[in-house]
PDB file of N, CA and C in Angstrom:
ATOM      1  N   MET A   1     -39.433   9.371 -15.308  1.00  0.00           N
ATOM      2  CA  MET A   1     -40.099   8.756 -15.621  1.00  0.00           C
ATOM      3  C   MET A   1     -40.759   8.498 -17.323  1.00  0.00           C
ATOM      4  N   VAL A   2     -39.443   9.167 -18.165  1.00  0.00           N
ATOM      5  CA  VAL A   2     -39.388   8.837 -19.626  1.00  0.00           C
ATOM      6  C   VAL A   2     -38.988   7.594 -19.387  1.00  0.00           C
ATOM      7  N   HIS A   3     -37.639   7.135 -18.570  1.00  0.00           N
ATOM      8  CA  HIS A   3     -36.444   6.152 -18.792  1.00  0.00           C
ATOM      9  C   HIS A   3     -37.576   5.194 -18.291  1.00  0.00           C
ATOM     10  N   GLY A   4     -38.012   5.186 -17.530  1.00  0.00           N
ATOM     11  CA  GLY A   4     -38.939   4.004 -17.463  1.00  0.00           C
ATOM     12  C   GLY A   4     -39.459   3.472 -18.641  1.00  0.00           C
ATOM     13  N   VAL A   5     -40.208   4.828 -19.196  1.00  0.00           N
ATOM     14  CA  VAL A   5     -41.097   4.069 -19.993  1.00  0.00           C
ATOM     15  C   VAL A   5     -40.454   3.938 -21.570  1.00  0.00           C
ATOM     16  N   LEU A   6     -39.056   4.471 -21.715  1.00  0.00           N
ATOM     17  CA  LEU A   6     -38.236   3.744 -22.539  1.00  0.00           C
ATOM     18  C   LEU A   6     -37.687   2.235 -22.238  1.00  0.00           C
ATOM     19  N   HIS A   7     -37.572   2.206 -21.147  1.00  0.00           N
ATOM     20  CA  HIS A   7     -37.276   0.651 -20.664  1.00  0.00           C
ATOM     21  C   HIS A   7     -38.242  -0.400 -20.827  1.00  0.00           C
ATOM     22  N   LEU A   8     -39.729  -0.425 -20.856  1.00  0.00           N
ATOM     23  CA  LEU A   8     -41.144  -0.822 -20.557  1.00  0.00           C
ATOM     24  C   LEU A   8     -40.307  -2.426 -21.390  1.00  0.00           C
ATOM     25  N   PRO A   9     -40.207  -2.658 -22.216  1.00  0.00           N
ATOM     26  CA  PRO A   9     -40.115  -3.938 -23.163  1.00  0.00           C
ATOM     27  C   PRO A   9     -38.915  -4.446 -21.856  1.00  0.00           C
ATOM     28  N   LEU A  10     -37.892  -4.430 -21.110  1.00  0.00           N
ATOM     29  CA  LEU A  10     -36.698  -4.993 -20.762  1.00  0.00           C
ATOM     30  C   LEU A  10     -37.503  -4.846 -19.332  1.00  0.00           C
ATOM     31  N   PRO A  11     -37.830  -6.003 -18.928  1.00  0.00           N
ATOM     32  CA  PRO A  11     -38.248  -5.873 -16.906  1.00  0.00           C
ATOM     33  C   PRO A  11     -37.163  -6.157 -16.252  1.00  0.00           C
ATOM     34  N   GLY A  12     -36.031  -6.887 -16.876  1.00  0.00           N
ATOM     35  CA  GLY A  12     -34.964  -6.990 -15.994  1.00  0.00           C
ATOM     36  C   GLY A  12     -34.059  -5.741 -15.553  1.00  0.00           C
ATOM     37  N   VAL A  13     -34.243  -4.651 -16.787  1.00  0.00           N
ATOM     38  CA  VAL A  13     -33.480  -3.519 -16.839  1.00  0.00           C
ATOM     39  C   VAL A  13     -34.523  -2.853 -15.880  1.00  0.00           C
ATOM     40  N   ILE A  14     -35.766  -2.872 -15.437  1.00  0.00           N
ATOM     41  CA  ILE A  14     -36.595  -1.963 -14.858  1.00  0.00           C
ATOM     42  C   ILE A  14     -36.036  -2.373 -13.301  1.00  0.00           C
ATOM     43  N   ALA A  15     -36.313  -3.792 -13.035  1.00  0.00           N
ATOM     44  CA  ALA A  15     -36.135  -3.956 -11.907  1.00  0.00           C
ATOM     45  C   ALA A  15     -34.558  -3.819 -11.546  1.00  0.00           C
ATOM     46  N   MET A  16     -33.552  -3.402 -12.656  1.00  0.00           N
ATOM     47  CA  MET A  16     -32.226  -3.247 -11.965  1.00  0.00           C
ATOM     48  C   MET A  16     -32.361  -1.978 -11.438  1.00  0.00           C
ATOM     49  N   ASP A  17     -32.814  -1.215 -12.843  1.00  0.00           N
ATOM     50  CA  ASP A  17     -33.109   0.053 -12.217  1.00  0.00           C
ATOM     51  C   ASP A  17     -33.457   0.805 -10.892  1.00  0.00           C
ATOM     52  N   LYS A  18     -35.145   0.234 -10.658  1.00  0.00           N
ATOM     53  CA  LYS A  18     -35.227   0.177  -9.039  1.00  0.00           C
ATOM     54  C   LYS A  18     -34.505  -0.286  -7.948  1.00  0.00           C
ATOM     55  N   HIS A  19     -33.854  -1.322  -7.897  1.00  0.00           N
ATOM     56  CA  HIS A  19     -32.662  -1.608  -7.328  1.00  0.00           C
ATOM     57  C   HIS A  19     -31.524  -0.770  -7.000  1.00  0.00           C
ATOM     58  N   VAL A  20     -31.102  -0.130  -8.086  1.00  0.00           N
ATOM     59  CA  VAL A  20     -30.389   1.160  -7.984  1.00  0.00           C
ATOM     60  C   VAL A  20     -30.904   2.268  -7.497  1.00  0.00           C
ATOM     61  N   ILE A  21     -31.672   2.384  -7.653  1.00  0.00           N
ATOM     62  CA  ILE A  21     -32.388   3.138  -6.803  1.00  0.00           C
ATOM     63  C   ILE A  21     -32.607   3.106  -5.661  1.00  0.00           C
ATOM     64  N   GLU A  22     -33.298   2.730  -4.596  1.00  0.00           N
ATOM     65  CA  GLU A  22     -33.664   1.827  -3.888  1.00  0.00           C
ATOM     66  C   GLU A  22     -31.979   2.303  -3.272  1.00  0.00           C
ATOM     67  N   ALA A  23     -31.461   1.182  -3.434  1.00  0.00           N
ATOM     68  CA  ALA A  23     -30.081   1.434  -2.946  1.00  0.00           C
ATOM     69  C   ALA A  23     -28.932   3.005  -2.765  1.00  0.00           C
ATOM     70  N   TYR A  24     -29.376   3.727  -4.006  1.00  0.00           N
ATOM     71  CA  TYR A  24     -29.231   5.000  -3.962  1.00  0.00           C
ATOM     72  C   TYR A  24     -29.840   6.183  -2.683  1.00  0.00           C
ATOM     73  N   GLU A  25     -31.389   5.861  -3.257  1.00  0.00           N
ATOM     74  CA  GLU A  25     -31.817   6.672  -1.412  1.00  0.00           C
ATOM     75  C   GLU A  25     -31.969   6.124  -0.124  1.00  0.00           C
ATOM     76  N   ARG A  26     -31.438   4.859  -0.168  1.00  0.00           N
ATOM     77  CA  ARG A  26     -30.911   4.257   0.846  1.00  0.00           C
ATOM     78  C   ARG A  26     -29.818   5.193   1.849  1.00  0.00           C
ATOM     79  N   GLY A  27     -29.061   4.907   0.765  1.00  0.00           N
ATOM     80  CA  GLY A  27     -27.319   5.269   1.181  1.00  0.00           C
ATOM     81  C   GLY A  27     -27.197   7.434   1.335  1.00  0.00           C
ATOM     82  N   TRP A  28     -28.302   7.869   0.742  1.00  0.00           N
ATOM     83  CA  TRP A  28     -28.414   9.330   0.738  1.00  0.00           C
ATOM     84  C   TRP A  28     -28.752   9.643   2.192  1.00  0.00           C
ATOM     85  N   MET A  29     -30.026   8.675   2.922  1.00  0.00           N
ATOM     86  CA  MET A  29     -30.423   8.970   3.713  1.00  0.00           C
ATOM     87  C   MET A  29     -29.690   8.556   5.093  1.00  0.00           C
ATOM     88  N   TYR A  30     -28.558   7.566   5.357  1.00  0.00           N
ATOM     89  CA  TYR A  30     -27.849   6.898   6.270  1.00  0.00           C
ATOM     90  C   TYR A  30     -26.945   7.949   6.274  1.00  0.00           C
ATOM     91  N   PHE A  31     -26.459   8.634   4.901  1.00  0.00           N
ATOM     92  CA  PHE A  31     -25.810   9.981   4.550  1.00  0.00           C
ATOM     93  C   PHE A  31     -26.372  10.889   5.511  1.00  0.00           C
ATOM     94  N   SER A  32     -27.214  11.557   4.966  1.00  0.00           N
ATOM     95  CA  SER A  32     -27.632  12.423   5.304  1.00  0.00           C
ATOM     96  C   SER A  32     -27.679  12.549   7.298  1.00  0.00           C
ATOM     97  N   LEU A  33     -28.040  11.527   7.536  1.00  0.00           N
ATOM     98  CA  LEU A  33     -28.766  11.093   9.362  1.00  0.00           C
ATOM     99  C   LEU A  33     -26.457  11.319   9.817  1.00  0.00           C
ATOM    100  N   LEU A  34     -26.003  10.387   9.109  1.00  0.00           N
ATOM    101  CA  LEU A  34     -24.805  10.741   9.401  1.00  0.00           C
ATOM    102  C   LEU A  34     -24.164  11.834   9.935  1.00  0.00           C
ATOM    103  N   MET A  35     -25.003  13.285   8.323  1.00  0.00           N
ATOM    104  CA  MET A  35     -24.000  14.763   8.515  1.00  0.00           C
ATOM    105  C   MET A  35     -25.394  15.221   9.849  1.00  0.00           C
ATOM    106  N   ILE A  36     -26.673  14.844   9.624  1.00  0.00           N
ATOM    107  CA  ILE A  36     -26.969  15.190  11.388  1.00  0.00           C
ATOM    108  C   ILE A  36     -26.493  15.198  12.846  1.00  0.00           C
ATOM    109  N   LEU A  37     -26.246  13.730  12.286  1.00  0.00           N
ATOM    110  CA  LEU A  37     -24.898  13.469  13.477  1.00  0.00           C
ATOM    111  C   LEU A  37     -24.292  13.928  14.117  1.00  0.00           C
ATOM    112  N   VAL A  38     -23.090  14.594  13.622  1.00  0.00           N
ATOM    113  CA  VAL A  38     -21.938  14.902  12.919  1.00  0.00           C
ATOM    114  C   VAL A  38     -21.797  17.005  13.612  1.00  0.00           C
ATOM    115  N   PHE A  39     -23.464  17.400  12.971  1.00  0.00           N
ATOM    116  CA  PHE A  39     -23.543  18.532  13.050  1.00  0.00           C
ATOM    117  C   PHE A  39     -23.814  18.671  14.650  1.00  0.00           C
ATOM    118  N   LEU A  40     -24.765  17.848  15.012  1.00  0.00           N
ATOM    119  CA  LEU A  40     -25.476  18.126  16.371  1.00  0.00           C
ATOM    120  C   LEU A  40     -24.107  17.654  17.485  1.00  0.00           C
ATOM    121  N   VAL A  41     -22.954  16.757  17.392  1.00  0.00           N
ATOM    122  CA  VAL A  41     -22.160  16.328  18.235  1.00  0.00           C
ATOM    123  C   VAL A  41     -21.194  17.524  17.750  1.00  0.00           C
ATOM    124  N   TYR A  42     -20.933  18.192  16.492  1.00  0.00           N
ATOM    125  CA  TYR A  42     -19.913  18.930  17.074  1.00  0.00           C
ATOM    126  C   TYR A  42     -20.086  20.677  17.097  1.00  0.00           C
TER     127      TYR A  42
END
């Protein structure tokens, strides 16, 4: 929250932050699914 408020004057930075966060969340989701599949298989 604070990080976003600090960068309000910089739309480009906010957009980049959102993109990075979305990519991180997507990667974490895939990683979690992979771990679940490995746990189920073994």
